Amino acid sequence: MAGEDDEEIRSLFQDLVNLGPAELERWLGTEESKAAGQHSGGGESTGHESGRRIVALLSAKKGDLSADDYAHMRKVVGYIRRHLAQRPDGDIRDTRWRHSLMNWGHDPLKT
């Protein structure tokens, strides 16, 4: 991913993040969302914090995106790709694996 330019990262981000801003914001308000992911020091999980930033990125105009925004998109793309490769067996509907991915803007049950 290091060799991909901003335009490629933006395109990958748009392909992998399959929850819209309002949908993601609703999800982030649920207890399942707040319980998923790694919590350091008992605070907000990394994925939940990222989800809030993804909502803003989805709503931003291309010309308003900063280098830091593109860096976060790279992080999101990398996380989603790695996490999808670790898909557990069986029904994933109500799993922390799916909930964590949803915090990062991707619902694996959505086509």
Protein backbone atom coordinates (compact mmCIF):
# COMPACT_ATOMS: atom_id res chain seq x y z
CA MET A 1 0.00 0.00 0.00
CA ALA A 2 2.95 2.31 0.51
CA GLY A 3 3.35 2.71 -3.26
CA GLU A 4 -0.26 3.70 -3.84
CA ASP A 5 -0.97 7.35 -4.41
CA ASP A 6 -3.71 9.37 -2.76
CA GLU A 7 -6.17 8.77 -5.61
CA GLU A 8 -5.72 4.99 -5.39
CA ILE A 9 -6.11 5.06 -1.60
CA ARG A 10 -9.26 7.18 -1.87
CA SER A 11 -10.71 4.72 -4.39
CA LEU A 12 -9.85 1.69 -2.21
CA PHE A 13 -11.31 3.48 0.82
CA GLN A 14 -14.55 4.14 -1.05
CA ASP A 15 -14.72 0.50 -2.21
CA LEU A 16 -14.06 -1.04 1.21
CA VAL A 17 -16.04 1.34 3.41
CA ASN A 18 -19.54 0.15 2.57
CA LEU A 19 -21.45 1.91 5.34
CA GLY A 20 -22.70 5.40 4.59
CA PRO A 21 -22.03 8.26 7.03
CA ALA A 22 -25.49 8.18 8.66
CA GLU A 23 -25.48 4.37 8.83
CA LEU A 24 -22.02 4.31 10.42
CA GLU A 25 -22.95 7.05 12.87
CA ARG A 26 -26.04 5.07 13.96
CA TRP A 27 -23.93 1.92 14.38
CA LEU A 28 -21.33 3.78 16.47
CA GLY A 29 -24.10 4.71 18.92
CA THR A 30 -24.87 1.07 19.75
CA GLU A 31 -23.59 -0.92 22.72
CA GLU A 32 -22.25 -3.60 20.33
CA SER A 33 -20.10 -0.99 18.63
CA LYS A 34 -18.76 0.38 21.89
CA ALA A 35 -17.90 -3.13 23.15
CA ALA A 36 -15.95 -4.19 20.03
CA GLY A 37 -12.25 -3.68 19.47
CA GLN A 38 -9.22 -2.98 21.62
CA HIS A 39 -9.75 -0.62 24.54
CA SER A 40 -6.65 0.92 26.02
CA GLY A 41 -7.04 2.24 29.53
CA GLY A 42 -10.78 1.56 29.57
CA GLY A 43 -11.54 4.35 27.12
CA GLU A 44 -12.87 4.35 23.59
CA SER A 45 -11.62 1.57 21.32
CA THR A 46 -9.28 2.38 18.44
CA GLY A 47 -11.89 1.22 15.92
CA HIS A 48 -14.68 3.27 17.48
CA GLU A 49 -12.52 6.39 17.38
CA SER A 50 -11.58 5.59 13.78
CA GLY A 51 -15.27 5.17 12.92
CA ARG A 52 -16.02 8.70 14.06
CA ARG A 53 -13.24 9.97 11.82
CA ILE A 54 -14.48 7.85 8.90
CA VAL A 55 -17.90 9.53 9.19
CA ALA A 56 -16.18 12.89 8.69
CA LEU A 57 -14.05 11.56 5.79
CA LEU A 58 -17.12 10.19 4.01
CA SER A 59 -18.73 13.61 4.22
CA ALA A 60 -15.64 15.59 3.16
CA LYS A 61 -15.06 16.99 -0.30
CA LYS A 62 -12.01 15.69 -2.13
CA GLY A 63 -10.40 19.13 -2.18
CA ASP A 64 -10.74 19.43 1.59
CA LEU A 65 -8.81 16.23 2.37
CA SER A 66 -5.43 16.68 4.07
CA ALA A 67 -2.33 14.48 4.03
CA ASP A 68 -3.41 13.29 7.49
CA ASP A 69 -6.83 12.32 6.09
CA TYR A 70 -5.18 10.24 3.36
CA ALA A 71 -2.94 8.63 5.98
CA HIS A 72 -6.04 7.64 7.94
CA MET A 73 -7.66 6.25 4.79
CA ARG A 74 -4.54 4.10 4.29
CA LYS A 75 -4.88 2.86 7.87
CA VAL A 76 -8.57 2.03 7.31
CA VAL A 77 -7.87 0.17 4.06
CA GLY A 78 -5.07 -1.83 5.69
CA TYR A 79 -7.19 -2.71 8.71
CA ILE A 80 -10.18 -3.84 6.67
CA ARG A 81 -8.02 -5.96 4.35
CA ARG A 82 -6.20 -7.64 7.26
CA HIS A 83 -9.37 -8.22 9.24
CA LEU A 84 -11.25 -9.69 6.27
CA ALA A 85 -8.42 -12.21 5.83
CA GLN A 86 -9.09 -13.41 9.41
CA ARG A 87 -12.77 -14.23 8.84
CA PRO A 88 -13.94 -16.82 11.38
CA ASP A 89 -15.88 -19.93 10.43
CA GLY A 90 -19.62 -20.10 10.87
CA ASP A 91 -22.26 -17.46 11.26
CA ILE A 92 -20.62 -14.05 11.63
CA ARG A 93 -23.82 -12.04 12.13
CA ASP A 94 -23.38 -11.30 15.83
CA THR A 95 -19.63 -11.59 16.31
CA ARG A 96 -17.05 -9.19 17.71
CA TRP A 97 -15.15 -9.76 14.43
CA ARG A 98 -18.01 -8.28 12.38
CA HIS A 99 -18.70 -5.55 14.94
CA SER A 100 -15.05 -4.49 14.87
CA LEU A 101 -15.10 -4.29 11.07
CA MET A 102 -18.28 -2.26 11.20
CA ASN A 103 -16.56 0.25 13.51
CA TRP A 104 -14.09 0.71 10.65
CA GLY A 105 -16.94 1.28 8.18
CA HIS A 106 -17.21 -2.17 6.60
CA ASP A 107 -20.10 -4.60 7.08
CA PRO A 108 -19.08 -8.00 5.67
CA LEU A 109 -22.76 -8.97 5.36
CA LYS A 110 -23.42 -6.10 2.97
CA THR A 111 -23.00 -6.77 -0.73
